[in-house]
Amino acid sequence: MLGVFCGILFNGLAQVNTASRSSQEIDNLKTNPIVISGGRVFGLGTGVLIGGAIPTFLSIEQVPTFKDITISGTSSQPLDGLDCRGCTFNDTVLKYSGGAYNLEGAKITGTTHLVLEGAAANTVAFLEFMHGIASGVPSASFPPNRPIERRAIAKKPMTKMDFTAPFIGAK
């Protein structure tokens, strides 16, 4: 079975989803999905690898740096690609999808809403799934294609806070 499965993948008989598919190709896959069943994967190191499935992002070195600006009362401030130094966030809705960010000397006041989408929401859902495995209680699934939203109220202004994504691109 494994030989047949590998032969299909390596000989190009099976389609693999990539980030560059057209909307028509995606619609075709929805109506005629490829199903590979049975078999076993073991001892191959990486398991089943789907090309283009891992999200990518701009390196923080490729984006402009904002210094000493105030962002207040916005309905949506994306964190992805934001390099902000000495910035103030007041009553802000922060939107995050999994890209690199850098906040140095940030001041956060008022109510902060966080909206997680894309890879960031998938990561939170997966961490909940892992927590369910560890606790022996299955976690509920999040609704598909809906953001995860959280809210925090600063009891007192948080000043000179540094927070940088662990993966910011090439250094």
Foldseek 3Di string as FASTA:
>chain_A
DVVVVVCCVVVVVDDFDAPPDDPVVVVVCVVVPDDDDDDDDPDPVPTDDGYHPDDDADFLVPADEAECEEAEDDPEDEQASYHYENYEYENEEYEYEDHWHKYFFYKYAAKYKYWYDHPRQVVVQVVQQVVCVVVVHGDDGDDPPGIDMDMDHPPDMDGRDIDTDPPRDDD
